[in-house]
Amino acid sequence: MKKSVLFVMNNLNCGGAEKALISLLDTIDYSKYDVDLFLMKHEGLFLSKIPNNVNLLEEPNEYKYFDMSIKLALLDCLKNGRLDIAISRLLAGIIIKTEKNRVRCEQRVWMYISKSLKNINKKYDIAVGYLEKTPIYFCVDKVDANTKIGFIHNDYDQLGMDPLLDQPYFERLENIVTVSEECGKILRNRFPMYNDKVKVMYNIVSPSTINKMSLEQGITWDEGVKIVSVGRLNKQKNFELAVETCKELVKNGYSVKWYIIGEGEEREELERIIGENNLQETFILLGIKENPYPYIKEADIYVQPSRFEGKSIAIDEAKILHKPIVVTNFSTAKDQITNHDNGLIVEMNSKSLYEGIASLINNEALREHFTCQLSNEQLGTESEIHKLYEMFN
């Protein structure tokens, strides 16, 4: 008899965790599992990529009140006779206004969102909160399931979360799954009482799919050394450091074009910095690309300047496409790159990042060495799904 599984996620906007979820849903054995997917909002680039075997549940209508201005939310609640939600939205609004830490704000606001959302009216064998914060909290508070599993897709200590708020939720999970050995170590250190619950499951990436998609469309490139970076335009990805480094490259006579694939709340600030440094023709924000692989394939160098990562899917994809890679020395960088063997790890400042990129531009033999090393690595992780099956069983 098939087991029933529910996955819970915020939305399917273009991010690493969202991409990882789609890859997982593409890989799961539907002869053994009936799969439902619950999204807080039916939005995002990957919405169209949900496999046909997956049953997408209705989005919770009440959640919209916490995703709009407080004035509009209160008016709509009162119009529809929902005084209970109006009070919760008002109290959530106080936290949103006063809590300076945006991540902790999301944690604290959940208690008011939770009061406004209905439980899912179905019993599951397994429920999976596929991202830290809201998906895990919903899974624990609003789902009836025999087994509950939560995923943490980043370095927990770098996320800025309050462990005391997570502890009661982690207590009710059978497993806390994270995406790299270093992230696992960080979770065990932070929550030693849940040491046995912490499991490591790498994000699922398929080399055959990525290589096939990398051939899909031709791109007309400008002259110069092509640098590509992929990620949300937010503080974590540290693209302001990339702008600073690009300025140094140009100042020192390097003809480069640096392309950023991604979108996010930092766009306006990045555009301001790009303009101030007269880099509009050199540092180019491409926005979201449904298929980023042709861009990565055509790059001369792939750069990940992040402040922190869990296990970067974008780096894995660049490795699969055998690109010379430069990454900053975030806590989990060594889980993916061995310095001077299959890529460069540099310190998190513009001088080090500039020197790393310049050394690759100047040294064709080093670029070829990295490409050769990556071509010999086994980079597919489809078999990771069996770790999830073990937890399911």
Protein backbone atom coordinates (compact mmCIF):
# COMPACT_ATOMS: atom_id res chain seq x y z
CA MET A 1 0.00 0.00 0.00
CA LYS A 2 1.29 3.48 -0.90
CA LYS A 3 2.33 5.86 1.86
CA SER A 4 0.86 9.39 1.87
CA VAL A 5 3.40 12.22 1.96
CA LEU A 6 2.87 15.96 2.31
CA PHE A 7 5.54 18.55 1.44
CA VAL A 8 5.09 22.09 2.81
CA MET A 9 6.81 25.13 1.27
CA ASN A 10 6.27 28.94 1.20
CA ASN A 11 6.14 29.28 -2.60
CA LEU A 12 8.13 28.21 -5.64
CA ASN A 13 10.04 31.41 -6.34
CA CYS A 14 13.46 31.02 -7.93
CA GLY A 15 15.79 29.90 -5.14
CA GLY A 16 18.02 26.99 -4.22
CA ALA A 17 15.59 25.28 -1.83
CA GLU A 18 12.72 25.65 -4.30
CA LYS A 19 14.84 24.20 -7.10
CA ALA A 20 15.93 21.36 -4.80
CA LEU A 21 12.29 20.56 -3.98
CA ILE A 22 11.39 20.30 -7.68
CA SER A 23 14.38 17.98 -8.27
CA LEU A 24 13.28 15.85 -5.33
CA LEU A 25 9.70 15.67 -6.64
CA ASP A 26 11.07 14.70 -10.07
CA THR A 27 13.02 11.82 -8.48
CA ILE A 28 10.60 10.35 -5.94
CA ASP A 29 9.07 6.91 -6.62
CA TYR A 30 5.35 7.49 -7.19
CA SER A 31 4.63 3.77 -7.24
CA LYS A 32 5.35 3.80 -3.49
CA TYR A 33 4.22 7.28 -2.41
CA ASP A 34 1.16 9.47 -2.93
CA VAL A 35 2.46 13.03 -2.74
CA ASP A 36 0.61 16.25 -1.87
CA LEU A 37 2.23 19.69 -1.97
CA PHE A 38 1.04 22.60 0.18
CA LEU A 39 2.26 26.10 -0.70
CA MET A 40 1.49 29.24 1.31
CA LYS A 41 1.25 31.06 -2.02
CA HIS A 42 0.81 29.58 -5.49
CA GLU A 43 3.54 31.65 -7.09
CA GLY A 44 7.03 31.34 -8.49
CA LEU A 45 9.02 30.36 -11.53
CA PHE A 46 8.98 26.66 -10.58
CA LEU A 47 5.19 26.42 -10.22
CA SER A 48 4.96 25.14 -13.80
CA LYS A 49 7.63 22.51 -13.02
CA ILE A 50 5.59 20.57 -10.45
CA PRO A 51 5.39 16.96 -11.70
CA ASN A 52 1.97 15.71 -12.80
CA ASN A 53 2.02 13.01 -10.11
CA VAL A 54 1.97 15.66 -7.36
CA ASN A 55 -1.38 16.87 -6.01
CA LEU A 56 -1.14 20.62 -5.35
CA LEU A 57 -3.45 21.57 -2.47
CA GLU A 58 -5.39 24.85 -2.35
CA GLU A 59 -3.44 27.79 -0.96
CA PRO A 60 -4.65 29.08 2.45
CA ASN A 61 -6.84 32.10 1.75
CA GLU A 62 -6.17 33.60 5.20
CA TYR A 63 -2.41 33.81 4.62
CA LYS A 64 -2.88 36.75 2.25
CA TYR A 65 -3.71 39.03 5.20
CA PHE A 66 -0.13 38.65 6.46
CA ASP A 67 1.30 39.37 3.03
CA MET A 68 -0.42 42.72 2.42
CA SER A 69 -0.35 46.13 4.10
CA ILE A 70 -1.90 46.23 7.56
CA LYS A 71 -4.47 48.85 6.45
CA LEU A 72 -5.76 46.75 3.54
CA ALA A 73 -5.70 43.60 5.66
CA LEU A 74 -7.76 45.12 8.49
CA LEU A 75 -10.32 46.62 6.09
CA ASP A 76 -10.77 43.30 4.27
CA CYS A 77 -10.97 41.31 7.53
CA LEU A 78 -13.65 43.61 8.95
CA LYS A 79 -15.59 43.57 5.65
CA ASN A 80 -15.63 39.76 5.79
CA GLY A 81 -16.46 39.58 9.49
CA ARG A 82 -13.08 38.10 10.45
CA LEU A 83 -12.39 40.01 13.66
CA ASP A 84 -10.20 37.13 14.88
CA ILE A 85 -7.80 37.51 11.93
CA ALA A 86 -7.90 41.31 12.24
CA ILE A 87 -6.64 41.05 15.84
CA SER A 88 -3.91 38.57 14.85
CA ARG A 89 -2.84 40.80 11.94
CA LEU A 90 -2.69 43.81 14.25
CA LEU A 91 -0.50 41.97 16.78
CA ALA A 92 1.69 40.60 13.96
CA GLY A 93 2.01 44.17 12.67
CA ILE A 94 3.46 45.31 15.99
CA ILE A 95 6.17 42.64 15.74
CA ILE A 96 6.86 43.48 12.09
CA LYS A 97 7.29 47.14 13.06
CA THR A 98 9.46 46.61 16.14
CA GLU A 99 11.55 43.47 15.46
CA LYS A 100 14.68 44.62 13.62
CA ASN A 101 15.95 41.10 12.88
CA ARG A 102 13.87 40.10 9.81
CA VAL A 103 14.48 36.38 10.31
CA ARG A 104 13.49 36.43 13.99
CA CYS A 105 10.50 38.55 12.96
CA GLU A 106 9.26 35.72 10.73
CA GLN A 107 9.72 33.29 13.63
CA ARG A 108 7.78 35.47 16.09
CA VAL A 109 4.97 36.39 13.70
CA TRP A 110 4.16 32.71 13.11
CA MET A 111 2.11 32.43 16.33
CA TYR A 112 -0.39 34.94 14.88
CA ILE A 113 -0.36 33.48 11.38
CA SER A 114 -0.93 30.04 12.91
CA LYS A 115 -4.07 31.19 14.75
CA SER A 116 -5.51 32.37 11.43
CA LEU A 117 -4.82 29.25 9.32
CA LYS A 118 -6.92 26.09 9.25
CA ASN A 119 -5.45 22.66 9.86
CA ILE A 120 -5.09 20.42 6.82
CA ASN A 121 -8.08 18.12 6.85
CA LYS A 122 -6.28 14.87 6.06
CA LYS A 123 -4.11 12.38 7.93
CA TYR A 124 -0.66 11.67 6.41
CA ASP A 125 1.94 9.01 6.96
CA ILE A 126 4.72 11.59 6.52
CA ALA A 127 4.78 15.41 6.50
CA VAL A 128 7.86 17.35 5.41
CA GLY A 129 8.45 21.02 6.18
CA TYR A 130 10.92 21.64 3.36
CA LEU A 131 12.38 24.93 4.62
CA GLU A 132 13.29 26.50 7.94
CA LYS A 133 10.75 28.68 9.78
CA THR A 134 7.18 28.82 8.38
CA PRO A 135 7.08 25.46 6.47
CA ILE A 136 8.41 23.57 9.52
CA TYR A 137 6.13 25.43 11.91
CA PHE A 138 3.08 24.75 9.71
CA CYS A 139 4.04 21.10 9.43
CA VAL A 140 4.21 20.78 13.24
CA ASP A 141 1.17 22.89 14.17
CA LYS A 142 -1.28 22.31 11.33
CA VAL A 143 -0.69 18.81 9.95
CA ASP A 144 -1.74 15.44 11.36
CA ALA A 145 1.02 12.97 10.39
CA ASN A 146 2.67 9.90 11.90
CA THR A 147 6.15 11.17 10.99
CA LYS A 148 7.25 14.80 10.70
CA ILE A 149 10.51 15.90 9.08
CA GLY A 150 12.00 19.40 8.81
CA PHE A 151 14.65 20.68 6.37
CA ILE A 152 17.23 23.40 7.11
CA HIS A 153 18.81 24.57 3.84
CA ASN A 154 21.51 26.84 5.28
CA ASP A 155 24.19 27.35 7.91
CA TYR A 156 21.82 27.66 10.90
CA ASP A 157 24.08 30.01 12.87
CA GLN A 158 24.36 32.42 9.93
CA LEU A 159 20.60 32.64 9.40
CA GLY A 160 20.12 34.87 12.45
CA MET A 161 17.38 32.68 13.93
CA ASP A 162 16.47 32.41 17.60
CA PRO A 163 17.16 28.78 18.65
CA LEU A 164 14.82 29.11 21.65
CA LEU A 165 11.89 29.70 19.28
CA ASP A 166 12.85 26.68 17.14
CA GLN A 167 13.52 24.26 19.99
CA PRO A 168 9.88 23.30 20.75
CA TYR A 169 9.29 22.68 17.02
CA PHE A 170 12.45 20.61 16.59
CA GLU A 171 11.33 18.59 19.62
CA ARG A 172 8.28 17.42 17.61
CA LEU A 173 10.21 16.43 14.47
CA GLU A 174 11.44 12.88 13.90
CA ASN A 175 14.32 14.17 11.77
CA ILE A 176 16.00 17.53 11.15
CA VAL A 177 17.54 17.28 7.70
CA THR A 178 20.23 19.58 6.35
CA VAL A 179 22.17 19.76 3.12
CA SER A 180 25.89 19.45 3.95
CA GLU A 181 28.20 17.86 6.52
CA GLU A 182 29.24 21.28 7.85
CA CYS A 183 25.59 22.37 8.22
CA GLY A 184 24.95 19.11 10.09
CA LYS A 185 27.83 19.81 12.47
CA ILE A 186 26.54 23.34 13.10
CA LEU A 187 23.03 22.04 13.90
CA ARG A 188 24.38 19.37 16.29
CA ASN A 189 26.47 21.99 18.10
CA ARG A 190 23.52 24.36 18.36
CA PHE A 191 20.99 21.67 19.38
CA PRO A 192 23.00 18.91 21.14
CA MET A 193 19.77 17.51 22.64
CA TYR A 194 18.65 16.60 19.08
CA ASN A 195 21.98 15.19 17.95
CA ASP A 196 20.42 11.87 16.84
CA LYS A 197 17.68 13.60 14.83
CA VAL A 198 20.08 15.51 12.56
CA LYS A 199 20.57 13.90 9.14
CA VAL A 200 22.49 15.09 6.07
CA MET A 201 20.90 14.73 2.63
CA TYR A 202 22.53 16.52 -0.30
CA ASN A 203 20.31 18.43 -2.69
CA ILE A 204 19.42 16.32 -5.71
CA VAL A 205 21.10 17.44 -8.93
CA SER A 206 21.06 15.58 -12.23
CA PRO A 207 24.09 16.09 -14.54
CA SER A 208 22.26 14.66 -17.55
CA THR A 209 19.37 17.14 -17.13
CA ILE A 210 21.68 20.11 -16.58
CA ASN A 211 23.91 19.25 -19.55
CA LYS A 212 20.87 18.78 -21.79
CA MET A 213 19.29 22.09 -20.70
CA SER A 214 22.60 23.93 -21.15
CA LEU A 215 22.30 23.33 -24.91
CA GLU A 216 18.76 24.70 -25.22
CA GLN A 217 19.29 28.29 -26.32
CA GLY A 218 21.99 30.33 -27.99
CA ILE A 219 23.17 33.52 -26.30
CA THR A 220 24.82 36.51 -27.93
CA TRP A 221 27.62 37.64 -25.64
CA ASP A 222 29.58 40.87 -25.56
CA GLU A 223 33.37 40.84 -25.89
CA GLY A 224 35.55 40.25 -22.85
CA VAL A 225 35.99 37.63 -20.12
CA LYS A 226 32.53 36.33 -19.18
CA ILE A 227 31.92 35.96 -15.43
CA VAL A 228 28.60 34.52 -14.20
CA SER A 229 27.10 34.40 -10.69
CA VAL A 230 23.70 32.97 -9.72
CA GLY A 231 21.63 33.78 -6.65
CA ARG A 232 18.92 35.88 -5.08
CA LEU A 233 19.71 39.58 -4.89
CA ASN A 234 19.92 39.65 -1.11
CA LYS A 235 22.49 40.22 1.64
CA GLN A 236 23.39 36.52 1.87
CA LYS A 237 24.68 36.41 -1.71
CA ASN A 238 26.93 39.45 -1.14
CA PHE A 239 26.74 40.86 -4.67
CA GLU A 240 27.87 44.29 -3.48
CA LEU A 241 31.28 42.63 -2.99
CA ALA A 242 31.09 41.44 -6.61
CA VAL A 243 30.44 45.03 -7.79
CA GLU A 244 33.44 46.26 -5.81
CA THR A 245 35.61 43.49 -7.27
CA CYS A 246 34.37 44.21 -10.80
CA LYS A 247 35.42 47.84 -10.33
CA GLU A 248 38.95 46.67 -9.39
CA LEU A 249 39.15 44.39 -12.43
CA VAL A 250 38.18 47.22 -14.79
CA LYS A 251 40.54 49.68 -13.07
CA ASN A 252 43.40 47.24 -13.61
CA GLY A 253 42.73 46.88 -17.32
CA TYR A 254 40.76 43.61 -17.45
CA SER A 255 38.05 43.48 -20.11
CA VAL A 256 35.24 41.65 -18.24
CA LYS A 257 31.48 41.31 -18.37
CA TRP A 258 29.96 40.11 -15.10
CA TYR A 259 26.42 38.70 -15.37
CA ILE A 260 24.19 38.09 -12.33
CA ILE A 261 21.23 35.71 -12.70
CA GLY A 262 18.62 36.23 -9.99
CA GLU A 263 16.17 38.70 -8.50
CA GLY A 264 15.49 40.07 -5.05
CA GLU A 265 15.04 42.94 -2.64
CA GLU A 266 18.60 44.26 -3.09
CA ARG A 267 18.16 45.13 -6.80
CA GLU A 268 17.63 48.85 -6.21
CA GLU A 269 20.67 49.13 -3.94
CA LEU A 270 22.84 47.16 -6.37
CA GLU A 271 21.71 49.34 -9.29
CA ARG A 272 22.69 52.40 -7.24
CA ILE A 273 26.20 51.01 -6.52
CA ILE A 274 26.62 49.90 -10.16
CA GLY A 275 25.66 53.40 -11.33
CA GLU A 276 27.96 55.15 -8.85
CA ASN A 277 30.87 53.12 -10.21
CA ASN A 278 29.90 53.57 -13.89
CA LEU A 279 29.66 49.81 -14.35
CA GLN A 280 26.28 49.72 -16.13
CA GLU A 281 27.85 48.18 -19.26
CA THR A 282 30.10 45.82 -17.31
CA PHE A 283 28.13 44.48 -14.31
CA ILE A 284 24.77 43.28 -15.64
CA LEU A 285 21.76 42.17 -13.61
CA LEU A 286 19.97 39.72 -15.91
CA GLY A 287 17.08 38.98 -13.54
CA ILE A 288 15.55 35.52 -13.27
CA LYS A 289 16.20 33.10 -16.11
CA GLU A 290 13.98 30.02 -16.32
CA ASN A 291 16.94 28.14 -17.77
CA PRO A 292 20.23 29.56 -16.39
CA TYR A 293 22.40 26.70 -17.69
CA PRO A 294 23.28 28.11 -21.15
CA TYR A 295 24.63 31.20 -19.35
CA ILE A 296 26.73 29.13 -16.96
CA LYS A 297 27.93 26.92 -19.82
CA GLU A 298 29.16 29.92 -21.83
CA ALA A 299 30.89 31.56 -18.83
CA ASP A 300 34.69 31.70 -18.65
CA ILE A 301 34.58 31.84 -14.84
CA TYR A 302 31.85 31.15 -12.29
CA VAL A 303 31.96 33.20 -9.06
CA GLN A 304 30.01 32.73 -5.81
CA PRO A 305 30.75 35.69 -3.49
CA SER A 306 28.29 34.65 -0.72
CA ARG A 307 28.47 35.52 2.97
CA PHE A 308 27.08 32.06 3.80
CA GLU A 309 25.52 29.03 2.10
CA GLY A 310 24.11 25.64 3.04
CA LYS A 311 25.20 23.62 0.07
CA SER A 312 24.98 25.86 -2.97
CA ILE A 313 23.09 24.24 -5.84
CA ALA A 314 24.48 26.91 -8.20
CA ILE A 315 28.05 25.84 -7.37
CA ASP A 316 27.14 22.19 -7.99
CA GLU A 317 25.65 23.19 -11.35
CA ALA A 318 28.78 25.13 -12.32
CA LYS A 319 30.85 22.08 -11.34
CA ILE A 320 28.69 19.83 -13.53
CA LEU A 321 29.30 22.22 -16.44
CA HIS A 322 33.07 22.08 -15.67
CA LYS A 323 33.54 25.80 -15.08
CA PRO A 324 36.59 27.33 -13.36
CA ILE A 325 35.07 28.44 -10.03
CA VAL A 326 35.97 31.08 -7.44
CA VAL A 327 34.08 31.11 -4.11
CA THR A 328 34.47 33.16 -0.95
CA ASN A 329 35.51 31.37 2.23
CA PHE A 330 32.04 30.96 3.77
CA SER A 331 31.66 28.27 6.43
CA THR A 332 30.54 25.48 4.07
CA ALA A 333 32.71 26.35 1.04
CA LYS A 334 35.06 23.41 1.66
CA ASP A 335 32.12 20.99 1.39
CA GLN A 336 32.04 21.77 -2.35
CA ILE A 337 35.42 23.18 -3.40
CA THR A 338 38.90 21.90 -2.60
CA ASN A 339 41.13 24.96 -2.88
CA HIS A 340 43.54 24.87 -5.85
CA ASP A 341 42.29 21.39 -6.78
CA ASN A 342 38.86 21.91 -8.38
CA GLY A 343 38.44 25.64 -7.77
CA LEU A 344 39.62 28.61 -5.73
CA ILE A 345 38.48 29.60 -2.23
CA VAL A 346 39.35 33.23 -1.45
CA GLU A 347 38.84 35.47 1.56
CA MET A 348 35.65 37.52 1.77
CA ASN A 349 37.01 40.86 0.62
CA SER A 350 37.39 42.58 -2.76
CA LYS A 351 41.21 42.32 -2.77
CA SER A 352 41.18 38.52 -2.37
CA LEU A 353 38.28 38.03 -4.78
CA TYR A 354 39.98 40.27 -7.35
CA GLU A 355 43.25 38.34 -7.02
CA GLY A 356 41.44 34.98 -7.40
CA ILE A 357 39.59 36.03 -10.54
CA ALA A 358 42.68 37.74 -12.02
CA SER A 359 44.78 34.61 -11.44
CA LEU A 360 42.27 32.55 -13.43
CA ILE A 361 42.09 35.10 -16.24
CA ASN A 362 45.90 35.20 -16.46
CA ASN A 363 46.52 31.46 -16.07
CA GLU A 364 44.96 29.30 -18.79
CA ALA A 365 46.70 26.20 -17.42
CA LEU A 366 45.01 26.68 -14.03
CA ARG A 367 41.60 27.06 -15.68
CA GLU A 368 42.19 23.87 -17.68
CA HIS A 369 43.36 22.05 -14.54
CA PHE A 370 40.09 22.88 -12.72
CA THR A 371 38.01 21.90 -15.75
CA CYS A 372 39.87 18.59 -16.02
CA GLN A 373 39.46 17.84 -12.29
CA LEU A 374 35.72 18.54 -12.43
CA SER A 375 35.27 16.35 -15.51
CA ASN A 376 36.59 13.42 -13.44
CA GLU A 377 34.26 13.97 -10.46
CA GLN A 378 31.05 12.03 -9.94
CA LEU A 379 28.64 14.90 -9.42
CA GLY A 380 25.17 13.35 -9.70
CA THR A 381 23.26 13.07 -6.42
CA GLU A 382 20.05 11.33 -7.54
CA SER A 383 20.78 8.46 -5.13
CA GLU A 384 20.32 10.84 -2.16
CA ILE A 385 16.58 10.15 -2.43
CA HIS A 386 17.22 6.79 -0.71
CA LYS A 387 18.19 8.65 2.48
CA LEU A 388 14.72 10.22 2.44
CA TYR A 389 13.09 6.82 1.87
CA GLU A 390 14.90 5.52 4.97
CA MET A 391 13.44 8.37 7.02
CA PHE A 392 10.00 7.74 5.50
CA ASN A 393 10.19 4.10 6.59
